Protein backbone atom coordinates (compact mmCIF):
# COMPACT_ATOMS: atom_id res chain seq x y z
CA MET A 1 16.63 3.98 -89.89
CA ALA A 2 13.58 2.06 -88.63
CA ASP A 3 15.78 -0.90 -87.65
CA HIS A 4 18.10 1.47 -85.81
CA GLU A 5 15.27 3.13 -83.86
CA ALA A 6 13.86 -0.25 -82.86
CA ALA A 7 17.25 -1.42 -81.62
CA TYR A 8 17.74 1.90 -79.76
CA LYS A 9 14.35 1.63 -78.07
CA GLN A 10 15.20 -1.91 -76.99
CA CYS A 11 18.48 -0.68 -75.50
CA VAL A 12 16.70 2.12 -73.60
CA GLU A 13 14.23 -0.41 -72.13
CA LEU A 14 17.06 -2.71 -71.08
CA THR A 15 18.90 0.22 -69.51
CA ALA A 16 15.81 1.28 -67.53
CA LYS A 17 15.33 -2.28 -66.39
CA SER A 18 18.97 -2.47 -65.35
CA LYS A 19 18.66 0.82 -63.43
CA GLN A 20 15.66 -0.56 -61.51
CA GLN A 21 17.59 -3.74 -60.74
CA LEU A 22 20.55 -1.66 -59.58
CA ALA A 23 18.24 0.40 -57.33
CA ASP A 24 16.76 -2.81 -55.87
CA ILE A 25 20.26 -4.16 -55.27
CA GLU A 26 21.31 -0.96 -53.50
CA ARG A 27 18.19 -1.09 -51.30
CA LEU A 28 18.86 -4.72 -50.42
CA ASN A 29 22.48 -3.92 -49.69
CA ALA A 30 21.37 -1.15 -47.31
CA GLU A 31 18.98 -3.52 -45.55
CA LEU A 32 21.71 -6.13 -45.29
CA ALA A 33 24.02 -3.54 -43.78
CA LYS A 34 21.41 -2.69 -41.14
CA LEU A 35 20.87 -6.36 -40.41
CA GLY A 36 24.63 -6.80 -40.13
CA GLN A 37 24.78 -4.00 -37.56
CA ARG A 38 21.87 -5.55 -35.65
CA ILE A 39 23.54 -8.98 -35.68
CA GLY A 40 26.75 -7.43 -34.43
CA SER A 41 24.90 -5.71 -31.60
CA LEU A 42 23.09 -8.89 -30.62
CA THR A 43 26.33 -10.87 -30.78
CA THR A 44 27.91 -8.38 -28.40
CA GLN A 45 24.96 -8.75 -26.02
CA ILE A 46 25.16 -12.55 -26.20
CA GLN A 47 28.86 -12.44 -25.42
CA GLY A 48 28.16 -10.17 -22.46
CA LEU A 49 25.44 -12.50 -21.17
CA SER A 50 27.71 -15.50 -21.50
CA VAL A 51 30.21 -13.95 -19.10
CA PRO A 52 29.71 -15.39 -15.58
CA PRO A 53 28.22 -12.78 -13.17
CA ASP A 54 30.51 -11.08 -10.72
CA ALA A 55 30.15 -12.97 -7.45
CA SER A 56 30.74 -9.75 -5.51
CA GLU A 57 27.60 -8.14 -7.00
CA PRO A 58 24.14 -9.13 -5.70
CA SER A 59 21.79 -10.91 -8.08
CA ALA A 60 18.56 -9.34 -9.28
CA TRP A 61 16.64 -11.67 -7.00
CA GLY A 62 18.90 -10.75 -4.11
CA LEU A 63 18.27 -7.03 -4.69
CA TRP A 64 14.52 -7.63 -4.94
CA THR A 65 14.53 -9.55 -1.66
CA GLU A 66 16.72 -6.96 0.05
CA LYS A 67 14.37 -4.08 -0.88
CA HIS A 68 11.38 -5.96 0.55
CA GLN A 69 13.24 -6.71 3.75
CA LYS A 70 14.34 -3.09 4.20
CA ARG A 71 10.77 -1.87 3.73
CA ALA A 72 9.53 -4.44 6.26
CA THR A 73 12.12 -3.26 8.79
CA LEU A 74 10.99 0.38 8.45
CA LEU A 75 7.31 -0.51 8.73
CA ARG A 76 7.95 -2.77 11.71
CA GLU A 77 9.66 0.12 13.52
CA GLN A 78 6.64 2.34 12.87
CA CYS A 79 4.28 -0.37 14.13
CA GLU A 80 6.26 -0.62 17.35
CA LYS A 81 6.22 3.18 17.71
CA ILE A 82 2.45 3.53 17.27
CA SER A 83 1.80 0.57 19.58
CA GLY A 84 3.92 2.28 22.24
CA LEU A 85 2.09 5.59 21.79
CA ALA A 86 -1.23 3.75 22.13
CA GLN A 87 -0.19 2.74 25.67
CA ASP A 88 -1.54 -0.80 25.26
CA ALA A 89 -4.94 0.45 24.01
CA PHE A 90 -4.31 -1.22 20.67
CA ARG A 91 -1.41 -2.67 18.74
CA ALA A 92 -0.17 -2.62 15.15
CA THR A 93 1.47 -5.76 13.79
CA LEU A 94 3.29 -6.10 10.48
CA GLN A 95 2.60 -9.09 8.24
CA PRO A 96 5.39 -8.91 5.61
CA CYS A 97 4.27 -9.43 2.00
CA ALA A 98 0.86 -10.64 3.21
CA ASP A 99 -1.37 -8.17 1.33
CA THR A 100 -2.76 -10.31 -1.50
CA ARG A 101 -4.74 -7.62 -3.37
CA VAL A 102 -2.00 -6.66 -5.86
CA LEU A 103 -0.89 -10.28 -6.03
CA PHE A 104 -4.37 -11.36 -7.14
CA GLU A 105 -4.70 -8.47 -9.61
CA THR A 106 -1.44 -9.59 -11.24
CA LEU A 107 -1.86 -13.35 -11.17
CA ASP A 108 -5.49 -13.54 -12.29
CA PRO A 109 -5.02 -12.01 -15.79
CA TYR A 110 -1.76 -13.95 -16.10
CA VAL A 111 -3.43 -17.30 -15.39
CA SER A 112 -6.39 -16.33 -17.58
CA ARG A 113 -4.07 -16.41 -20.63
CA ALA A 114 -4.14 -20.19 -20.31
CA TYR A 115 -7.08 -21.93 -21.93
CA ASP A 116 -10.29 -22.77 -20.05
CA ILE A 117 -9.30 -23.05 -16.38
CA ARG A 118 -12.57 -23.53 -14.52
CA LYS A 119 -13.07 -21.70 -11.22
CA ARG A 120 -9.92 -19.76 -12.11
CA GLU A 121 -10.50 -16.92 -9.64
CA ASP A 122 -10.95 -19.30 -6.70
CA LYS A 123 -7.73 -21.10 -7.61
CA VAL A 124 -5.81 -17.83 -7.97
CA ARG A 125 -7.10 -16.73 -4.56
CA ASN A 126 -5.82 -20.02 -3.18
CA LEU A 127 -2.38 -19.22 -4.60
CA CYS A 128 -2.46 -15.75 -3.04
CA ARG A 129 -3.44 -17.21 0.33
CA ILE A 130 -0.63 -19.77 0.19
CA VAL A 131 1.96 -17.09 -0.58
CA GLY A 132 0.60 -14.48 1.84
CA SER A 133 0.29 -16.85 4.79
CA ALA A 134 3.69 -18.52 4.32
CA THR A 135 6.35 -18.12 6.98
CA ASP A 136 8.60 -16.65 4.28
CA PRO A 137 6.33 -15.20 1.55
CA LEU A 138 9.32 -14.10 -0.56
CA GLN A 139 10.68 -17.65 -0.70
CA LYS A 140 7.20 -19.07 -1.37
CA TRP A 141 6.73 -16.61 -4.24
CA GLN A 142 10.07 -17.63 -5.70
CA GLU A 143 9.01 -21.29 -5.55
CA LEU A 144 5.68 -20.49 -7.25
CA VAL A 145 7.39 -18.57 -10.07
CA ALA A 146 9.77 -21.52 -10.50
CA GLU A 147 6.75 -23.81 -10.96
CA PHE A 148 5.31 -21.54 -13.66
CA ASP A 149 8.72 -21.38 -15.33
CA ALA A 150 9.11 -25.16 -15.26
CA LEU A 151 5.67 -25.64 -16.84
CA VAL A 152 6.40 -23.18 -19.65
CA ARG A 153 9.78 -24.73 -20.45
CA SER A 154 8.33 -28.26 -20.48
CA SER A 155 5.68 -27.54 -23.11
CA GLN A 156 7.20 -30.13 -25.46
CA ASN A 157 7.59 -32.71 -22.71
CA PRO A 158 4.70 -35.15 -22.20
CA VAL A 159 5.61 -35.48 -18.51
CA LEU A 160 4.54 -32.59 -16.30
CA PRO A 161 7.11 -31.19 -13.83
CA GLY A 162 6.42 -31.19 -10.11
CA THR A 163 4.13 -28.33 -9.01
CA PRO A 164 3.28 -28.79 -5.31
CA ILE A 165 2.08 -25.19 -4.79
CA LEU A 166 -0.17 -25.12 -7.86
CA SER A 167 -1.52 -28.56 -7.00
CA SER A 168 -2.31 -27.53 -3.42
CA ALA A 169 -4.23 -24.54 -4.87
CA ASP A 170 -6.53 -27.04 -6.70
CA PHE A 171 -4.97 -26.69 -10.17
CA THR A 172 -5.78 -29.96 -11.95
CA GLU A 173 -3.55 -31.81 -14.40
CA GLN A 174 -5.60 -30.34 -17.23
CA ASN A 175 -5.07 -26.85 -15.77
CA LEU A 176 -1.31 -27.43 -15.58
CA LYS A 177 -1.22 -28.51 -19.25
CA ALA A 178 -3.12 -25.33 -20.13
CA LEU A 179 -0.52 -23.25 -18.29
CA GLN A 180 2.19 -24.78 -20.50
CA ALA A 181 0.86 -22.59 -23.32
CA LEU A 182 2.21 -19.50 -21.56
CA LYS A 183 5.49 -17.95 -22.68
CA VAL A 184 8.79 -17.45 -20.90
CA GLN A 185 8.25 -13.71 -21.31
CA ASP A 186 4.98 -14.03 -19.35
CA VAL A 187 6.86 -15.58 -16.44
CA GLU A 188 9.49 -12.83 -16.48
CA GLU A 189 6.78 -10.16 -16.38
CA ILE A 190 5.61 -11.36 -12.96
CA ARG A 191 8.88 -12.66 -11.48
CA TYR A 192 9.82 -9.41 -9.69
CA LEU A 193 6.31 -8.37 -8.70
CA PRO A 194 6.41 -6.02 -5.65
CA LEU A 195 4.68 -7.91 -2.84
CA ASP A 196 2.73 -5.59 -0.53
CA ASP A 197 2.93 -5.77 3.25
CA ARG A 198 -0.16 -5.82 5.48
CA ILE A 199 -0.48 -4.07 8.83
CA GLU A 200 -3.03 -5.48 11.26
CA PHE A 201 -4.56 -3.20 13.91
CA GLU A 202 -6.02 -4.90 16.98
CA PHE A 203 -7.90 -3.40 19.93
CA ALA A 204 -6.98 -4.46 23.49
CA PHE A 205 -10.32 -5.94 24.54
CA GLY A 206 -9.43 -7.25 27.98
CA THR A 207 -7.55 -9.95 29.83
CA LYS A 208 -7.96 -13.67 29.22
CA ALA A 209 -8.38 -16.25 31.96
CA ASP A 210 -4.69 -17.12 31.70
CA GLY A 211 -3.73 -13.49 32.37
CA THR A 212 -2.66 -12.62 28.81
CA GLN A 213 -4.06 -9.66 26.89
CA GLU A 214 -6.98 -10.38 24.57
CA PHE A 215 -7.08 -8.53 21.25
CA ILE A 216 -9.84 -8.21 18.66
CA PRO A 217 -9.73 -6.67 15.16
CA PHE A 218 -9.76 -2.89 15.57
CA GLN A 219 -12.79 -2.55 13.30
CA ASP A 220 -14.77 -4.80 15.66
CA ALA A 221 -14.34 -2.41 18.60
CA SER A 222 -17.12 0.09 19.33
CA PRO A 223 -16.83 3.66 17.93
CA GLY A 224 -16.18 4.93 21.47
CA GLN A 225 -13.41 2.38 22.06
CA GLN A 226 -11.82 3.22 18.72
CA ALA A 227 -12.03 6.98 19.34
CA THR A 228 -10.54 6.68 22.84
CA ALA A 229 -7.63 4.55 21.63
CA LEU A 230 -6.87 6.87 18.71
CA MET A 231 -7.15 9.99 20.86
CA ARG A 232 -4.71 8.58 23.40
CA THR A 233 -2.28 7.76 20.60
CA LEU A 234 -2.52 11.17 18.94
CA LEU A 235 -2.15 13.06 22.22
CA ALA A 236 0.91 11.04 23.23
CA ASP A 237 2.75 11.86 19.99
CA GLU A 238 4.73 14.97 19.21
CA GLY A 239 4.36 16.85 15.96
CA PRO A 240 2.63 19.74 14.19
CA PRO A 241 -0.62 21.32 15.44
CA LEU A 242 -3.47 18.83 15.83
CA LEU A 243 -7.05 19.87 14.99
CA ILE A 244 -9.87 17.61 16.26
CA ASP A 245 -13.54 18.32 15.56
CA GLN A 246 -16.06 17.35 18.27
CA PRO A 247 -14.39 14.28 19.76
CA GLU A 248 -17.26 13.95 22.24
CA GLU A 249 -19.55 12.54 19.53
CA ASP A 250 -18.06 9.05 19.98
CA LEU A 251 -17.17 9.28 23.68
CA ASP A 252 -19.23 8.94 26.85
CA ASN A 253 -18.70 11.25 29.83
CA GLU A 254 -16.26 8.93 31.59
CA GLN A 255 -14.13 8.57 28.46
CA ILE A 256 -14.22 12.34 27.94
CA ARG A 257 -12.88 12.92 31.47
CA VAL A 258 -10.04 10.49 30.83
CA ILE A 259 -9.18 12.22 27.55
CA ALA A 260 -9.44 15.66 29.18
CA ASP A 261 -6.92 14.63 31.83
CA GLN A 262 -4.57 13.37 29.14
CA ILE A 263 -4.93 16.64 27.24
CA ALA A 264 -3.81 18.55 30.32
CA GLU A 265 -0.81 16.23 30.73
CA THR A 266 0.35 16.10 27.11
CA LYS A 267 -0.53 19.49 25.63
CA HIS A 268 3.11 20.51 25.86
CA ASN A 269 3.87 17.94 23.12
CA ARG A 270 2.10 19.90 20.39
CA GLN A 271 -0.47 22.62 19.84
CA LEU A 272 -3.98 21.19 20.27
CA ILE A 273 -7.07 22.80 18.75
CA PHE A 274 -10.46 21.32 19.65
CA VAL A 275 -13.88 22.20 18.30
CA SER A 276 -16.21 21.04 21.05
CA HIS A 277 -19.52 21.54 22.85
CA ASN A 278 -18.34 19.61 25.90
CA ALA A 279 -17.08 21.65 28.83
CA ASN A 280 -14.95 18.85 30.28
CA ILE A 281 -12.56 18.99 27.31
CA VAL A 282 -12.22 22.75 27.70
CA VAL A 283 -12.10 23.05 31.50
CA ASN A 284 -10.46 19.84 32.65
CA GLY A 285 -8.20 19.85 29.63
CA ASP A 286 -6.98 23.17 31.05
CA ALA A 287 -7.41 25.15 27.81
CA GLU A 288 -5.07 28.12 27.55
CA LEU A 289 -7.31 29.97 25.10
CA VAL A 290 -11.07 29.65 24.60
CA VAL A 291 -12.70 31.11 21.50
CA ARG A 292 -16.47 31.37 21.35
CA PHE A 293 -18.11 31.65 17.92
CA ASP A 294 -21.55 33.07 17.14
CA TYR A 295 -23.64 34.19 14.20
CA ALA A 296 -23.31 37.68 12.74
CA PRO A 297 -26.23 39.82 13.97
CA SER A 298 -27.10 40.96 10.46
CA ASP A 299 -26.53 37.66 8.64
CA ARG A 300 -27.25 34.33 10.30
CA THR A 301 -25.31 32.49 7.59
CA LYS A 302 -22.00 34.03 8.67
CA GLY A 303 -19.95 33.27 11.77
CA ILE A 304 -18.04 35.71 13.96
CA ILE A 305 -15.65 35.45 16.91
CA ASP A 306 -17.78 36.55 19.83
CA ARG A 307 -15.29 36.34 22.74
CA THR A 308 -11.81 35.02 23.52
CA GLY A 309 -9.92 34.47 26.75
CA SER A 310 -8.70 31.97 29.32
CA ILE A 311 -11.05 29.65 31.22
CA ASP A 312 -10.60 31.76 34.38
CA PHE A 313 -11.59 35.00 32.60
CA PRO A 314 -15.07 35.75 34.08
CA PRO A 315 -16.89 36.38 30.74
CA ILE A 316 -15.45 33.15 29.30
CA LYS A 317 -16.26 31.29 32.52
CA ASN A 318 -19.85 32.51 32.32
CA ILE A 319 -20.13 31.45 28.67
CA ILE A 320 -18.81 27.94 29.45
CA THR A 321 -21.21 27.59 32.39
CA ALA A 322 -24.25 28.87 30.50
CA VAL A 323 -23.70 27.48 27.03
CA MET A 324 -21.58 24.34 27.13
CA GLU A 325 -22.85 20.93 28.14
CA GLY A 326 -21.87 20.11 31.74
CA GLY A 327 -20.18 23.48 32.27
CA ARG A 328 -20.98 23.94 35.96
CA GLU A 329 -20.10 20.33 36.79
CA SER A 330 -16.78 20.57 34.98
CA PHE A 331 -15.76 23.68 36.93
CA GLU A 332 -16.71 21.93 40.17
CA LEU A 333 -14.65 18.92 39.19
CA ARG A 334 -11.71 21.19 38.40
CA ARG A 335 -12.08 22.95 41.76
CA GLN A 336 -12.04 19.63 43.60
CA LYS A 337 -9.00 18.44 41.67
CA TYR A 338 -6.85 21.57 41.70
CA GLY A 339 -8.32 23.57 44.56
CA PHE A 340 -9.58 26.49 42.45
């Protein structure tokens, strides 16, 4: 009986061990089945990739280039429109794909993955300048990406590929070898980077000796010159109501008179609402409705509408003459110009 129980126990242990082995085999078979499905899926993808692309369909690079060109065309049209509205006071010029801010923000961390490139930021800025100032920035970017790609794929080759753009940006031979440590996936991450356009605004400063117009960066013009140019542009355009708060702050009296005359000529384009202390804008701009505001008698922190009416309504005329800067002179100027 003891021999039988010992043999039985041994059989039970062998059976348990066999069950565990069977469970392990089933688990491995399930994993192999999943791997088989994955291999089949990848094989299908490989077969699809091996099929030559349809020549009638644009390439990914072609689509990328086309989108940039379409955007440039739309922006160029808007630049021409705003330059026309400005009536030669300033001009807007499109520089396609010349805004290097996003380009630098993308390239700098990408290049930093390579090991120990000294003065890296300066060299990346050089790359951005080369691309942004090129006659065809899209083509120059494609050439730069091709240089990165060639370096990555030549990591096992002792001879470095040609890299004229990187070399002209002061990347040394040691820097180029460091860039070989990057991966093909890194290159693909930046290949279709959206390149931003830059719009340059220039103020018409005067006429050169040769008779051509001289332009300076818009930000270098005086506040009065900037305000006059922008006011002329806004008043010449059609659109929704335009609200302007105290334009006289940046304009001298002569500029205000010019703007007032333009208001009278262009107010049919859109509804104009001015908040102003200058009578010339109100009177010589030929305001159709004047609204005077004042403090509430019982609470000086609250405003009220004190009086409304046309500029020829005697109470309004008296308010403009008594309260607004240059009121009497503006009415006299209006009388001389229009006869009333």
